[in-house]
Each structure stands twice: as C-alpha cells, then as structure tokens.
Amino acid sequence: MHVLIADKVERELIDALEAGGCTVTCQPELEGDAIAAVLNEHASGALIVRSTKVREPVLAAAPDSLRLIVRAGAGYDNIDHAFAAMREISVCNCPGMNAVAVAELAMGHLIALDRRLVEQTNEMRAGHWFKKEYAKARGLKGRELLVVGTGAIGFEVIRRAQAFDMRVSAQSRSLTESRARALNIGWVEYTREALLAALPRFDAVSIHVAATDHTRDMCDRAFFGAMKLGAMFVNTSRGEIVVEDDLVEAVSAGRIRAGVDVYRGQPASKDEAWETPLAKAPGMVLTHHVGASTDQAQLAVAEEAARIILKYKDTGRADHCVNGVGGSAVSA
C-alpha cells in the first residue's frame, strides 16, 4: 500500500510504515490540488496529515484507491470527513496521544498570565526595571479553576491543576456528578445556563472541547461578561469555540486576561504572514497552535498513526474511525 504524508512528521512514522510493507512518499509542502495529484500519481491507499486541510475538492479528485485518511493528532476539523464518508474513505484520528503536551501548555498559559511573564520580558527587553509593578501576582494555589471538557486533555489538566493545589471543577457532556466526586472535583451541569451561572465564581477557565455545532461560538460576549473580574481564560482547543472580537473587547477593557493557542482562520502548518485580531489586546498571551508540539507527543502520535495504517492494511479495520466508514483492506 502506498501512503502519502502531506505534513511534517517524525522519522519514526515513516520507518514503521516501511518496515510494515508500505511504500511511503513524504511531501510536507503539499496543499490543495497538489495533494490530489500526488495521490493519483501513486494510486495511494492512505493519506496522513496534521494541520494540512483536506477539503471536498481534494477528496473529489482523489483516486478510488484512497480508502484511509489519518489525522496525526486528535482534532480532525481540517478534514471534510462527511464528504470522505460519501466516497467510502475512512477518516481516523489519534486521540489522547498529545493530551499531556496540550495540558502542559494550558498550565503554562495559566502561569504566564498569573505572573505576567510576557509583559515582564517585554519590559526587560525595552530596558525597564518595573519590579514594583510586577510583584503583584495572586498565585495559583487555592484558586478556583473550571475545566470545560473532560476528554483526555481536560483530564490531564485537572491532574496538573490539582498538583498546583488549585480547586478544580468541570463541565462536560460525559461528566456525571458521581464521576466528579470520584475525581475530587466540583461539577457543573452540562447546560449553557448552568455554565453562565457558574462562571462568576472561577478565577480561571480552561477550554478543552471539540469544535461542533453545539460548541461553536460558545465563548462569546455573554460568556466573558459572566466571568469573574480579573479571571484568566485559556483556550487550547479550537479557535471556532471563541468569538474573537468579544474576547478582544473583554481583555482590552481589563475585565479578564487570556492565553490562546488556537485561532479562527489560522494558517495550516506552513509558515506565512498572518494576523489575528487577538494580537491587538494588551497583555494577551498567544502561541502558534503548538499545544501538541513536543517531542514526546509527536513520537506517540507517530507510533499510533503507523499502528492504525498497518492494522488497516492487514485487516481492513480502521481504528478510531470518526466518520463511520469501516472500509476494506487495500492491496499491499
């Protein structure tokens, strides 16, 4: 089976696929029509991407041999999985492999916001010594944190926040009140009304939900307006969760502070000039959608992506399929 990789990946992924009998082409610079062209050139059976977008035109032009797309990560909103299902192409992801890495970044954002690390660094680079201004951090110990979404990443954030002696509560579609008690955390009922009612008591909110019709735009003016004055907001999930103009308004007004790793309309993995309205808000901590970008996480994802493809090649079973297509094994 030929496998096309259209993103930068760990060498271990290529080695594992080749050792398992696959022929591999790795062209991380590919985008759009060029992906379909290479898939047709090699009659590829599988495609691996990270941030590269795989939309309907690419899938429509793909060869009949393509039966599997693997997202080397957890989220898969960069792939038109519904259209892939129409073409009987299985779309699979690698859930949980990067959970610790994203959780670490979320905690890093909380620390950076509390201690104003970005502002302090900028002042020092400008030749300013303003110790009195920056010796006012509240500290995280004993602070109230709300984790919205308790999948693999949210769970790892809870563990780390508890290690910081934060008092943690959570809201999630899958979280029950009894499960919350077992985790020694508070519970917020899974409704919009309950969320807005609970927000005023939290010192920090960390978002870890998928981008769906239910969650899109959930963090809007009403959400930020309900947050406690001076609270911290962290989003390492998906940009579509946040109404960015409303977040800029809340931060610029000094109501809240925010750390963000994901953005609406953000570029794919390729380097390019790009601006976000969030950069206009003073004191915002911004990172380049790098939550999963640690050596440990990428190696784990590489191993899982290779396992999924090799199992499909040998058995026709697509593990972690997100679009309901079982498919059948393609010829090696």
C-alpha atoms as a PDB file:
ATOM      1  CA  MET A   1       0.000   0.000   0.000  1.00  0.00           C
ATOM      2  CA  HIS A   2       1.243   3.457  -0.877  1.00  0.00           C
ATOM      3  CA  VAL A   3       0.971   6.092   1.854  1.00  0.00           C
ATOM      4  CA  LEU A   4       1.235   9.818   1.166  1.00  0.00           C
ATOM      5  CA  ILE A   5       2.296  12.034   4.086  1.00  0.00           C
ATOM      6  CA  ALA A   6       1.384  15.692   3.447  1.00  0.00           C
ATOM      7  CA  ASP A   7       2.809  17.222   6.617  1.00  0.00           C
ATOM      8  CA  LYS A   8       5.982  17.187   8.666  1.00  0.00           C
ATOM      9  CA  VAL A   9       6.090  14.028  10.798  1.00  0.00           C
ATOM     10  CA  GLU A  10       8.564  12.112  12.900  1.00  0.00           C
ATOM     11  CA  ARG A  11      11.024   9.900  11.028  1.00  0.00           C
ATOM     12  CA  GLU A  12       9.846   7.001  13.202  1.00  0.00           C
ATOM     13  CA  LEU A  13       6.455   7.083  11.467  1.00  0.00           C
ATOM     14  CA  ILE A  14       7.997   6.645   8.027  1.00  0.00           C
ATOM     15  CA  ASP A  15      10.317   3.904   9.264  1.00  0.00           C
ATOM     16  CA  ALA A  16       7.450   1.989  10.906  1.00  0.00           C
ATOM     17  CA  LEU A  17       5.308   2.128   7.781  1.00  0.00           C
ATOM     18  CA  GLU A  18       8.135   0.985   5.539  1.00  0.00           C
ATOM     19  CA  ALA A  19       9.014  -1.819   7.943  1.00  0.00           C
ATOM     20  CA  GLY A  20       5.366  -2.884   7.772  1.00  0.00           C
ATOM     21  CA  GLY A  21       5.476  -3.215   3.990  1.00  0.00           C
ATOM     22  CA  CYS A  22       4.173   0.190   2.893  1.00  0.00           C
ATOM     23  CA  THR A  23       5.671   2.454   0.269  1.00  0.00           C
ATOM     24  CA  VAL A  24       5.841   5.983   1.608  1.00  0.00           C
ATOM     25  CA  THR A  25       6.028   9.400  -0.050  1.00  0.00           C
ATOM     26  CA  CYS A  26       6.552  12.303   2.335  1.00  0.00           C
ATOM     27  CA  GLN A  27       5.923  15.759   0.845  1.00  0.00           C
ATOM     28  CA  PRO A  28       5.047  18.102   3.715  1.00  0.00           C
ATOM     29  CA  GLU A  29       4.759  21.139   1.456  1.00  0.00           C
ATOM     30  CA  LEU A  30       1.725  19.798  -0.424  1.00  0.00           C
ATOM     31  CA  GLU A  31      -1.584  21.651  -0.318  1.00  0.00           C
ATOM     32  CA  GLY A  32      -4.899  21.582  -2.163  1.00  0.00           C
ATOM     33  CA  ASP A  33      -4.881  20.254  -5.718  1.00  0.00           C
ATOM     34  CA  ALA A  34      -1.258  19.139  -5.371  1.00  0.00           C
ATOM     35  CA  ILE A  35      -2.319  16.566  -2.775  1.00  0.00           C
ATOM     36  CA  ALA A  36      -4.841  15.019  -5.157  1.00  0.00           C
ATOM     37  CA  ALA A  37      -2.251  14.989  -7.949  1.00  0.00           C
ATOM     38  CA  VAL A  38       0.276  13.037  -5.899  1.00  0.00           C
ATOM     39  CA  LEU A  39      -2.408  10.668  -4.586  1.00  0.00           C
ATOM     40  CA  ASN A  40      -3.353   9.884  -8.202  1.00  0.00           C
ATOM     41  CA  GLU A  41       0.263   9.595  -9.311  1.00  0.00           C
ATOM     42  CA  HIS A  42       0.934   6.812  -6.818  1.00  0.00           C
ATOM     43  CA  ALA A  43      -2.596   5.339  -6.561  1.00  0.00           C
ATOM     44  CA  SER A  44      -2.244   5.921  -2.821  1.00  0.00           C
ATOM     45  CA  GLY A  45      -4.252   3.858  -0.373  1.00  0.00           C
ATOM     46  CA  ALA A  46      -3.731   6.144   2.630  1.00  0.00           C
ATOM     47  CA  LEU A  47      -3.060   9.802   3.415  1.00  0.00           C
ATOM     48  CA  ILE A  48      -1.587  11.219   6.623  1.00  0.00           C
ATOM     49  CA  VAL A  49      -1.943  14.882   7.598  1.00  0.00           C
ATOM     50  CA  ARG A  50      -1.533  17.008  10.694  1.00  0.00           C
ATOM     51  CA  SER A  51      -2.737  20.583  10.047  1.00  0.00           C
ATOM     52  CA  THR A  52      -2.964  20.403   6.248  1.00  0.00           C
ATOM     53  CA  LYS A  53      -6.555  20.890   5.087  1.00  0.00           C
ATOM     54  CA  VAL A  54      -8.228  18.101   3.136  1.00  0.00           C
ATOM     55  CA  ARG A  55     -11.430  19.596   1.745  1.00  0.00           C
ATOM     56  CA  GLU A  56     -14.078  18.345  -0.674  1.00  0.00           C
ATOM     57  CA  PRO A  57     -12.250  19.314  -3.913  1.00  0.00           C
ATOM     58  CA  VAL A  58      -9.199  17.279  -2.876  1.00  0.00           C
ATOM     59  CA  LEU A  59     -11.323  14.295  -1.934  1.00  0.00           C
ATOM     60  CA  ALA A  60     -13.409  14.549  -5.094  1.00  0.00           C
ATOM     61  CA  ALA A  61     -10.239  14.444  -7.201  1.00  0.00           C
ATOM     62  CA  ALA A  62      -8.594  11.647  -5.183  1.00  0.00           C
ATOM     63  CA  PRO A  63      -8.176   8.202  -6.755  1.00  0.00           C
ATOM     64  CA  ASP A  64     -10.537   5.326  -5.967  1.00  0.00           C
ATOM     65  CA  SER A  65      -7.588   3.616  -4.295  1.00  0.00           C
ATOM     66  CA  LEU A  66      -7.690   6.089  -1.388  1.00  0.00           C
ATOM     67  CA  ARG A  67      -9.502   4.394   1.464  1.00  0.00           C
ATOM     68  CA  LEU A  68      -7.936   5.841   4.608  1.00  0.00           C
ATOM     69  CA  ILE A  69      -7.014   9.297   5.915  1.00  0.00           C
ATOM     70  CA  VAL A  70      -5.257   9.515   9.253  1.00  0.00           C
ATOM     71  CA  ARG A  71      -5.123  12.769  11.171  1.00  0.00           C
ATOM     72  CA  ALA A  72      -1.865  12.623  13.141  1.00  0.00           C
ATOM     73  CA  GLY A  73      -3.460  14.215  16.182  1.00  0.00           C
ATOM     74  CA  ALA A  74      -6.797  14.373  17.969  1.00  0.00           C
ATOM     75  CA  GLY A  75      -8.903  17.057  16.249  1.00  0.00           C
ATOM     76  CA  TYR A  76      -9.995  16.405  12.664  1.00  0.00           C
ATOM     77  CA  ASP A  77     -11.897  19.537  11.632  1.00  0.00           C
ATOM     78  CA  ASN A  78      -9.270  20.179   8.921  1.00  0.00           C
ATOM     79  CA  ILE A  79     -10.631  17.135   7.054  1.00  0.00           C
ATOM     80  CA  ASP A  80     -14.013  17.049   5.300  1.00  0.00           C
ATOM     81  CA  HIS A  81     -14.903  13.765   6.958  1.00  0.00           C
ATOM     82  CA  ALA A  82     -18.546  13.859   5.846  1.00  0.00           C
ATOM     83  CA  PHE A  83     -17.615  14.053   2.162  1.00  0.00           C
ATOM     84  CA  ALA A  84     -14.946  11.397   2.769  1.00  0.00           C
ATOM     85  CA  ALA A  85     -17.698   9.126   4.065  1.00  0.00           C
ATOM     86  CA  MET A  86     -19.642   9.683   0.829  1.00  0.00           C
ATOM     87  CA  ARG A  87     -16.590   8.399  -1.014  1.00  0.00           C
ATOM     88  CA  GLU A  88     -16.244   5.492   1.460  1.00  0.00           C
ATOM     89  CA  ILE A  89     -12.942   6.812   2.788  1.00  0.00           C
ATOM     90  CA  SER A  90     -12.321   6.138   6.462  1.00  0.00           C
ATOM     91  CA  VAL A  91     -11.085   9.148   8.466  1.00  0.00           C
ATOM     92  CA  CYS A  92      -9.249   8.230  11.665  1.00  0.00           C
ATOM     93  CA  ASN A  93      -7.554  10.253  14.381  1.00  0.00           C
ATOM     94  CA  CYS A  94      -5.055   9.562  17.154  1.00  0.00           C
ATOM     95  CA  PRO A  95      -6.896  10.582  20.331  1.00  0.00           C
ATOM     96  CA  GLY A  96      -5.105  11.005  23.633  1.00  0.00           C
ATOM     97  CA  MET A  97      -1.582  10.786  22.282  1.00  0.00           C
ATOM     98  CA  ASN A  98      -0.910  14.501  22.745  1.00  0.00           C
ATOM     99  CA  ALA A  99      -3.054  15.046  25.841  1.00  0.00           C
ATOM    100  CA  VAL A 100      -0.173  15.605  28.244  1.00  0.00           C
ATOM    101  CA  ALA A 101       1.556  18.059  25.905  1.00  0.00           C
ATOM    102  CA  VAL A 102      -1.567  20.205  25.479  1.00  0.00           C
ATOM    103  CA  ALA A 103      -2.268  20.079  29.210  1.00  0.00           C
ATOM    104  CA  GLU A 104       1.265  21.260  29.920  1.00  0.00           C
ATOM    105  CA  LEU A 105       0.782  24.235  27.607  1.00  0.00           C
ATOM    106  CA  ALA A 106      -2.556  25.092  29.217  1.00  0.00           C
ATOM    107  CA  MET A 107      -0.866  25.174  32.622  1.00  0.00           C
ATOM    108  CA  GLY A 108       1.946  27.235  31.097  1.00  0.00           C
ATOM    109  CA  HIS A 109      -0.600  29.795  29.926  1.00  0.00           C
ATOM    110  CA  LEU A 110      -2.103  29.991  33.409  1.00  0.00           C
ATOM    111  CA  ILE A 111       1.314  30.598  34.961  1.00  0.00           C
ATOM    112  CA  ALA A 112       2.260  33.133  32.272  1.00  0.00           C
ATOM    113  CA  LEU A 113      -0.985  35.038  32.841  1.00  0.00           C
ATOM    114  CA  ASP A 114      -0.755  34.987  36.621  1.00  0.00           C
ATOM    115  CA  ARG A 115       2.883  36.117  36.685  1.00  0.00           C
ATOM    116  CA  ARG A 116       2.614  38.331  33.561  1.00  0.00           C
ATOM    117  CA  LEU A 117       5.672  36.692  32.043  1.00  0.00           C
ATOM    118  CA  VAL A 118       5.212  38.157  28.555  1.00  0.00           C
ATOM    119  CA  GLU A 119       4.845  41.723  29.806  1.00  0.00           C
ATOM    120  CA  GLN A 120       7.823  41.336  32.131  1.00  0.00           C
ATOM    121  CA  THR A 121      10.013  40.011  29.330  1.00  0.00           C
ATOM    122  CA  ASN A 122       8.988  42.834  27.003  1.00  0.00           C
ATOM    123  CA  GLU A 123       9.760  45.449  29.673  1.00  0.00           C
ATOM    124  CA  MET A 124      13.190  43.956  30.346  1.00  0.00           C
ATOM    125  CA  ARG A 125      13.980  43.911  26.624  1.00  0.00           C
ATOM    126  CA  ALA A 126      12.975  47.565  26.472  1.00  0.00           C
ATOM    127  CA  GLY A 127      15.430  48.351  29.288  1.00  0.00           C
ATOM    128  CA  HIS A 128      12.832  48.875  32.017  1.00  0.00           C
ATOM    129  CA  TRP A 129      13.036  47.644  35.625  1.00  0.00           C
ATOM    130  CA  PHE A 130       9.475  47.741  36.994  1.00  0.00           C
ATOM    131  CA  LYS A 131       9.665  45.267  39.857  1.00  0.00           C
ATOM    132  CA  LYS A 132       7.031  47.100  41.887  1.00  0.00           C
ATOM    133  CA  GLU A 133       4.517  46.802  39.035  1.00  0.00           C
ATOM    134  CA  TYR A 134       5.013  43.089  38.542  1.00  0.00           C
ATOM    135  CA  ALA A 135       5.327  41.957  42.160  1.00  0.00           C
ATOM    136  CA  LYS A 136       1.558  41.603  42.400  1.00  0.00           C
ATOM    137  CA  ALA A 137       0.759  38.073  41.228  1.00  0.00           C
ATOM    138  CA  ARG A 138      -2.069  36.312  43.029  1.00  0.00           C
ATOM    139  CA  GLY A 139      -0.640  32.793  42.713  1.00  0.00           C
ATOM    140  CA  LEU A 140      -2.486  29.652  41.608  1.00  0.00           C
ATOM    141  CA  LYS A 141      -2.660  27.785  44.912  1.00  0.00           C
ATOM    142  CA  GLY A 142      -6.209  27.700  46.228  1.00  0.00           C
ATOM    143  CA  ARG A 143      -7.647  29.402  43.146  1.00  0.00           C
ATOM    144  CA  GLU A 144     -10.844  28.110  41.545  1.00  0.00           C
ATOM    145  CA  LEU A 145     -10.371  26.574  38.064  1.00  0.00           C
ATOM    146  CA  LEU A 146     -13.159  25.484  35.745  1.00  0.00           C
ATOM    147  CA  VAL A 147     -12.196  22.912  33.095  1.00  0.00           C
ATOM    148  CA  VAL A 148     -14.730  22.822  30.250  1.00  0.00           C
ATOM    149  CA  GLY A 149     -14.415  19.454  28.530  1.00  0.00           C
ATOM    150  CA  THR A 150     -13.057  16.357  30.269  1.00  0.00           C
ATOM    151  CA  GLY A 151     -11.695  14.250  27.468  1.00  0.00           C
ATOM    152  CA  ALA A 152      -8.097  13.070  27.607  1.00  0.00           C
ATOM    153  CA  ILE A 153      -6.697  16.627  27.591  1.00  0.00           C
ATOM    154  CA  GLY A 154      -9.153  18.036  30.101  1.00  0.00           C
ATOM    155  CA  PHE A 155      -8.440  15.144  32.445  1.00  0.00           C
ATOM    156  CA  GLU A 156      -4.690  15.802  32.278  1.00  0.00           C
ATOM    157  CA  VAL A 157      -5.295  19.500  33.015  1.00  0.00           C
ATOM    158  CA  ILE A 158      -7.319  18.511  36.071  1.00  0.00           C
ATOM    159  CA  ARG A 159      -4.481  16.329  37.353  1.00  0.00           C
ATOM    160  CA  ARG A 160      -1.905  19.060  36.925  1.00  0.00           C
ATOM    161  CA  ALA A 161      -4.081  21.793  38.379  1.00  0.00           C
ATOM    162  CA  GLN A 162      -4.691  19.644  41.448  1.00  0.00           C
ATOM    163  CA  ALA A 163      -0.924  19.238  41.805  1.00  0.00           C
ATOM    164  CA  PHE A 164      -0.795  23.064  41.954  1.00  0.00           C
ATOM    165  CA  ASP A 165      -3.356  22.908  44.789  1.00  0.00           C
ATOM    166  CA  MET A 166      -5.988  24.600  42.669  1.00  0.00           C
ATOM    167  CA  ARG A 167      -9.618  23.863  43.461  1.00  0.00           C
ATOM    168  CA  VAL A 168     -10.972  22.320  40.271  1.00  0.00           C
ATOM    169  CA  SER A 169     -14.492  21.990  38.887  1.00  0.00           C
ATOM    170  CA  ALA A 170     -15.512  20.729  35.462  1.00  0.00           C
ATOM    171  CA  GLN A 171     -18.306  20.719  32.929  1.00  0.00           C
ATOM    172  CA  SER A 172     -18.503  18.109  30.198  1.00  0.00           C
ATOM    173  CA  ARG A 173     -21.096  16.240  28.196  1.00  0.00           C
ATOM    174  CA  SER A 174     -19.740  12.950  29.536  1.00  0.00           C
ATOM    175  CA  LEU A 175     -19.087  14.015  33.140  1.00  0.00           C
ATOM    176  CA  THR A 176     -21.559  12.902  35.798  1.00  0.00           C
ATOM    177  CA  GLU A 177     -21.828  14.311  39.287  1.00  0.00           C
ATOM    178  CA  SER A 178     -20.743  10.975  40.782  1.00  0.00           C
ATOM    179  CA  ARG A 179     -17.711  10.802  38.480  1.00  0.00           C
ATOM    180  CA  ALA A 180     -16.770  14.340  39.510  1.00  0.00           C
ATOM    181  CA  ARG A 181     -16.904  13.346  43.180  1.00  0.00           C
ATOM    182  CA  ALA A 182     -14.643  10.382  42.417  1.00  0.00           C
ATOM    183  CA  LEU A 183     -12.141  12.774  40.820  1.00  0.00           C
ATOM    184  CA  ASN A 184     -12.409  15.082  43.850  1.00  0.00           C
ATOM    185  CA  ILE A 185     -13.623  17.976  41.720  1.00  0.00           C
ATOM    186  CA  GLY A 186     -16.733  20.114  41.552  1.00  0.00           C
ATOM    187  CA  TRP A 187     -19.413  19.527  38.921  1.00  0.00           C
ATOM    188  CA  VAL A 188     -21.257  21.974  36.666  1.00  0.00           C
ATOM    189  CA  GLU A 189     -24.344  20.680  34.912  1.00  0.00           C
ATOM    190  CA  TYR A 190     -23.991  20.348  31.138  1.00  0.00           C
ATOM    191  CA  THR A 191     -26.199  23.254  30.097  1.00  0.00           C
ATOM    192  CA  ARG A 192     -25.444  26.725  28.813  1.00  0.00           C
ATOM    193  CA  GLU A 193     -27.472  28.242  31.633  1.00  0.00           C
ATOM    194  CA  ALA A 194     -25.556  26.334  34.312  1.00  0.00           C
ATOM    195  CA  LEU A 195     -22.237  27.327  32.755  1.00  0.00           C
ATOM    196  CA  LEU A 196     -23.040  31.036  32.680  1.00  0.00           C
ATOM    197  CA  ALA A 197     -24.376  30.888  36.231  1.00  0.00           C
ATOM    198  CA  ALA A 198     -21.196  29.199  37.467  1.00  0.00           C
ATOM    199  CA  LEU A 199     -18.624  31.412  35.723  1.00  0.00           C
ATOM    200  CA  PRO A 200     -18.615  34.299  38.257  1.00  0.00           C
ATOM    201  CA  ARG A 201     -17.022  32.163  40.967  1.00  0.00           C
ATOM    202  CA  PHE A 202     -13.996  30.939  38.999  1.00  0.00           C
ATOM    203  CA  ASP A 203     -10.549  32.539  38.937  1.00  0.00           C
ATOM    204  CA  ALA A 204      -9.631  30.691  35.735  1.00  0.00           C
ATOM    205  CA  VAL A 205     -11.366  28.825  32.903  1.00  0.00           C
ATOM    206  CA  SER A 206      -9.613  26.363  30.577  1.00  0.00           C
ATOM    207  CA  ILE A 207     -11.412  25.165  27.427  1.00  0.00           C
ATOM    208  CA  HIS A 208     -10.934  21.611  26.084  1.00  0.00           C
ATOM    209  CA  VAL A 209     -13.854  20.808  23.793  1.00  0.00           C
ATOM    210  CA  ALA A 210     -14.134  19.803  20.145  1.00  0.00           C
ATOM    211  CA  ALA A 211     -15.475  22.244  17.553  1.00  0.00           C
ATOM    212  CA  THR A 212     -19.076  21.188  16.951  1.00  0.00           C
ATOM    213  CA  ASP A 213     -22.357  22.934  16.188  1.00  0.00           C
ATOM    214  CA  HIS A 214     -23.001  22.872  19.954  1.00  0.00           C
ATOM    215  CA  THR A 215     -19.675  24.423  20.987  1.00  0.00           C
ATOM    216  CA  ARG A 216     -19.045  26.854  18.129  1.00  0.00           C
ATOM    217  CA  ASP A 217     -19.100  30.455  19.419  1.00  0.00           C
ATOM    218  CA  MET A 218     -19.802  29.270  22.980  1.00  0.00           C
ATOM    219  CA  CYS A 219     -17.258  31.732  24.376  1.00  0.00           C
ATOM    220  CA  ASP A 220     -18.975  34.976  23.421  1.00  0.00           C
ATOM    221  CA  ARG A 221     -19.792  38.338  24.990  1.00  0.00           C
ATOM    222  CA  ALA A 222     -22.232  36.739  27.443  1.00  0.00           C
ATOM    223  CA  PHE A 223     -19.623  34.152  28.438  1.00  0.00           C
ATOM    224  CA  PHE A 224     -16.829  36.655  29.025  1.00  0.00           C
ATOM    225  CA  GLY A 225     -19.232  39.092  30.686  1.00  0.00           C
ATOM    226  CA  ALA A 226     -20.191  36.399  33.202  1.00  0.00           C
ATOM    227  CA  MET A 227     -16.587  35.652  34.147  1.00  0.00           C
ATOM    228  CA  LYS A 228     -15.164  36.922  37.416  1.00  0.00           C
ATOM    229  CA  LEU A 229     -13.433  40.286  37.159  1.00  0.00           C
ATOM    230  CA  GLY A 230      -9.700  39.663  36.672  1.00  0.00           C
ATOM    231  CA  ALA A 231     -10.162  35.969  35.863  1.00  0.00           C
ATOM    232  CA  MET A 232      -7.967  34.099  33.400  1.00  0.00           C
ATOM    233  CA  PHE A 233      -9.260  32.432  30.215  1.00  0.00           C
ATOM    234  CA  VAL A 234      -7.247  29.776  28.355  1.00  0.00           C
ATOM    235  CA  ASN A 235      -8.183  28.156  25.042  1.00  0.00           C
ATOM    236  CA  THR A 236      -6.018  25.347  23.663  1.00  0.00           C
ATOM    237  CA  SER A 237      -8.852  23.518  21.879  1.00  0.00           C
ATOM    238  CA  ARG A 238     -10.201  25.118  18.669  1.00  0.00           C
ATOM    239  CA  GLY A 239     -10.448  28.710  17.507  1.00  0.00           C
ATOM    240  CA  GLU A 240     -14.082  28.344  16.440  1.00  0.00           C
ATOM    241  CA  ILE A 241     -15.082  27.999  20.085  1.00  0.00           C
ATOM    242  CA  VAL A 242     -14.382  31.699  20.670  1.00  0.00           C
ATOM    243  CA  VAL A 243     -15.953  34.848  19.248  1.00  0.00           C
ATOM    244  CA  GLU A 244     -12.624  36.611  18.935  1.00  0.00           C
ATOM    245  CA  ASP A 245     -13.930  40.183  18.800  1.00  0.00           C
ATOM    246  CA  ASP A 246     -15.768  39.574  22.078  1.00  0.00           C
ATOM    247  CA  LEU A 247     -12.594  38.224  23.685  1.00  0.00           C
ATOM    248  CA  VAL A 248     -10.578  41.216  22.480  1.00  0.00           C
ATOM    249  CA  GLU A 249     -13.227  43.516  23.940  1.00  0.00           C
ATOM    250  CA  ALA A 250     -13.168  41.774  27.328  1.00  0.00           C
ATOM    251  CA  VAL A 251      -9.355  41.723  27.561  1.00  0.00           C
ATOM    252  CA  SER A 252      -8.918  45.287  26.297  1.00  0.00           C
ATOM    253  CA  ALA A 253     -11.407  46.508  28.903  1.00  0.00           C
ATOM    254  CA  GLY A 254      -9.325  44.851  31.613  1.00  0.00           C
ATOM    255  CA  ARG A 255     -12.145  42.520  32.644  1.00  0.00           C
ATOM    256  CA  ILE A 256     -10.195  39.305  32.097  1.00  0.00           C
ATOM    257  CA  ARG A 257      -6.798  38.037  30.947  1.00  0.00           C
ATOM    258  CA  ALA A 258      -6.403  35.416  28.242  1.00  0.00           C
ATOM    259  CA  GLY A 259      -3.972  32.847  26.858  1.00  0.00           C
ATOM    260  CA  VAL A 260      -4.738  31.392  23.424  1.00  0.00           C
ATOM    261  CA  ASP A 261      -3.115  28.719  21.264  1.00  0.00           C
ATOM    262  CA  VAL A 262      -5.792  28.348  18.536  1.00  0.00           C
ATOM    263  CA  TYR A 263      -7.466  30.842  16.195  1.00  0.00           C
ATOM    264  CA  ARG A 264     -10.212  31.270  13.654  1.00  0.00           C
ATOM    265  CA  GLY A 265      -8.957  31.040  10.087  1.00  0.00           C
ATOM    266  CA  GLN A 266      -5.446  30.196  11.206  1.00  0.00           C
ATOM    267  CA  PRO A 267      -2.977  29.028   8.554  1.00  0.00           C
ATOM    268  CA  ALA A 268      -2.122  25.371   8.117  1.00  0.00           C
ATOM    269  CA  SER A 269       1.258  24.173   9.308  1.00  0.00           C
ATOM    270  CA  LYS A 270       3.121  26.107   6.605  1.00  0.00           C
ATOM    271  CA  ASP A 271       4.873  29.366   7.549  1.00  0.00           C
ATOM    272  CA  GLU A 272       3.261  32.532   6.207  1.00  0.00           C
ATOM    273  CA  ALA A 273       2.394  36.112   7.076  1.00  0.00           C
ATOM    274  CA  TRP A 274      -0.829  36.199   9.078  1.00  0.00           C
ATOM    275  CA  GLU A 275      -2.520  38.446  11.618  1.00  0.00           C
ATOM    276  CA  THR A 276      -5.079  37.752  14.322  1.00  0.00           C
ATOM    277  CA  PRO A 277      -7.299  40.363  15.974  1.00  0.00           C
ATOM    278  CA  LEU A 278      -6.310  38.849  19.329  1.00  0.00           C
ATOM    279  CA  ALA A 279      -2.847  40.383  18.957  1.00  0.00           C
ATOM    280  CA  LYS A 280      -4.451  43.808  19.411  1.00  0.00           C
ATOM    281  CA  ALA A 281      -5.399  43.124  23.013  1.00  0.00           C
ATOM    282  CA  PRO A 282      -2.737  44.204  25.530  1.00  0.00           C
ATOM    283  CA  GLY A 283      -1.331  41.504  27.765  1.00  0.00           C
ATOM    284  CA  MET A 284      -2.739  38.612  25.743  1.00  0.00           C
ATOM    285  CA  VAL A 285      -0.514  35.515  25.782  1.00  0.00           C
ATOM    286  CA  LEU A 286      -0.508  33.987  22.281  1.00  0.00           C
ATOM    287  CA  THR A 287       1.143  30.829  20.969  1.00  0.00           C
ATOM    288  CA  HIS A 288       1.220  29.280  17.487  1.00  0.00           C
ATOM    289  CA  HIS A 289      -1.134  26.265  17.924  1.00  0.00           C
ATOM    290  CA  VAL A 290       1.764  24.328  19.394  1.00  0.00           C
ATOM    291  CA  GLY A 291      -0.076  22.520  22.187  1.00  0.00           C
ATOM    292  CA  ALA A 292       0.746  19.106  20.765  1.00  0.00           C
ATOM    293  CA  SER A 293       4.211  20.057  19.569  1.00  0.00           C
ATOM    294  CA  THR A 294       6.522  18.321  21.985  1.00  0.00           C
ATOM    295  CA  ASP A 295       8.930  15.552  21.042  1.00  0.00           C
ATOM    296  CA  GLN A 296       7.147  13.173  23.406  1.00  0.00           C
ATOM    297  CA  ALA A 297       3.709  13.864  21.949  1.00  0.00           C
ATOM    298  CA  GLN A 298       4.778  13.725  18.323  1.00  0.00           C
ATOM    299  CA  LEU A 299       6.531  10.390  18.814  1.00  0.00           C
ATOM    300  CA  ALA A 300       3.411   8.958  20.474  1.00  0.00           C
ATOM    301  CA  VAL A 301       1.230  10.255  17.631  1.00  0.00           C
ATOM    302  CA  ALA A 302       3.629   8.842  15.036  1.00  0.00           C
ATOM    303  CA  GLU A 303       3.512   5.416  16.634  1.00  0.00           C
ATOM    304  CA  GLU A 304      -0.289   5.481  16.780  1.00  0.00           C
ATOM    305  CA  ALA A 305      -0.692   6.668  13.183  1.00  0.00           C
ATOM    306  CA  ALA A 306       1.586   3.881  11.979  1.00  0.00           C
ATOM    307  CA  ARG A 307      -0.337   1.328  14.040  1.00  0.00           C
ATOM    308  CA  ILE A 308      -3.681   2.453  12.583  1.00  0.00           C
ATOM    309  CA  ILE A 309      -2.457   2.269   8.989  1.00  0.00           C
ATOM    310  CA  LEU A 310      -0.713  -1.084   9.349  1.00  0.00           C
ATOM    311  CA  LYS A 311      -3.729  -2.621  11.082  1.00  0.00           C
ATOM    312  CA  TYR A 312      -5.969  -1.348   8.299  1.00  0.00           C
ATOM    313  CA  LYS A 313      -3.594  -2.701   5.673  1.00  0.00           C
ATOM    314  CA  ASP A 314      -3.598  -6.139   7.272  1.00  0.00           C
ATOM    315  CA  THR A 315      -7.199  -6.444   8.498  1.00  0.00           C
ATOM    316  CA  GLY A 316      -9.344  -3.762   6.861  1.00  0.00           C
ATOM    317  CA  ARG A 317     -10.340  -2.430  10.294  1.00  0.00           C
ATOM    318  CA  ALA A 318      -9.975   1.308  10.822  1.00  0.00           C
ATOM    319  CA  ASP A 319      -9.334   2.107  14.487  1.00  0.00           C
ATOM    320  CA  HIS A 320     -10.611   5.453  15.807  1.00  0.00           C
ATOM    321  CA  CYS A 321     -12.701   5.987  12.679  1.00  0.00           C
ATOM    322  CA  VAL A 322     -14.623   9.253  13.116  1.00  0.00           C
ATOM    323  CA  ASN A 323     -16.908   9.133  10.066  1.00  0.00           C
ATOM    324  CA  GLY A 324     -18.463   5.688  10.328  1.00  0.00           C
ATOM    325  CA  VAL A 325     -16.709   4.106   7.358  1.00  0.00           C
ATOM    326  CA  GLY A 326     -15.346   0.636   8.042  1.00  0.00           C
ATOM    327  CA  GLY A 327     -13.842   0.126   4.616  1.00  0.00           C
ATOM    328  CA  SER A 328     -11.893  -2.856   3.448  1.00  0.00           C
ATOM    329  CA  ALA A 329      -8.192  -3.550   3.248  1.00  0.00           C
ATOM    330  CA  VAL A 330      -6.418  -2.339   0.154  1.00  0.00           C
ATOM    331  CA  SER A 331      -3.823  -4.273  -1.711  1.00  0.00           C
ATOM    332  CA  ALA A 332      -0.281  -4.073  -0.404  1.00  0.00           C
END
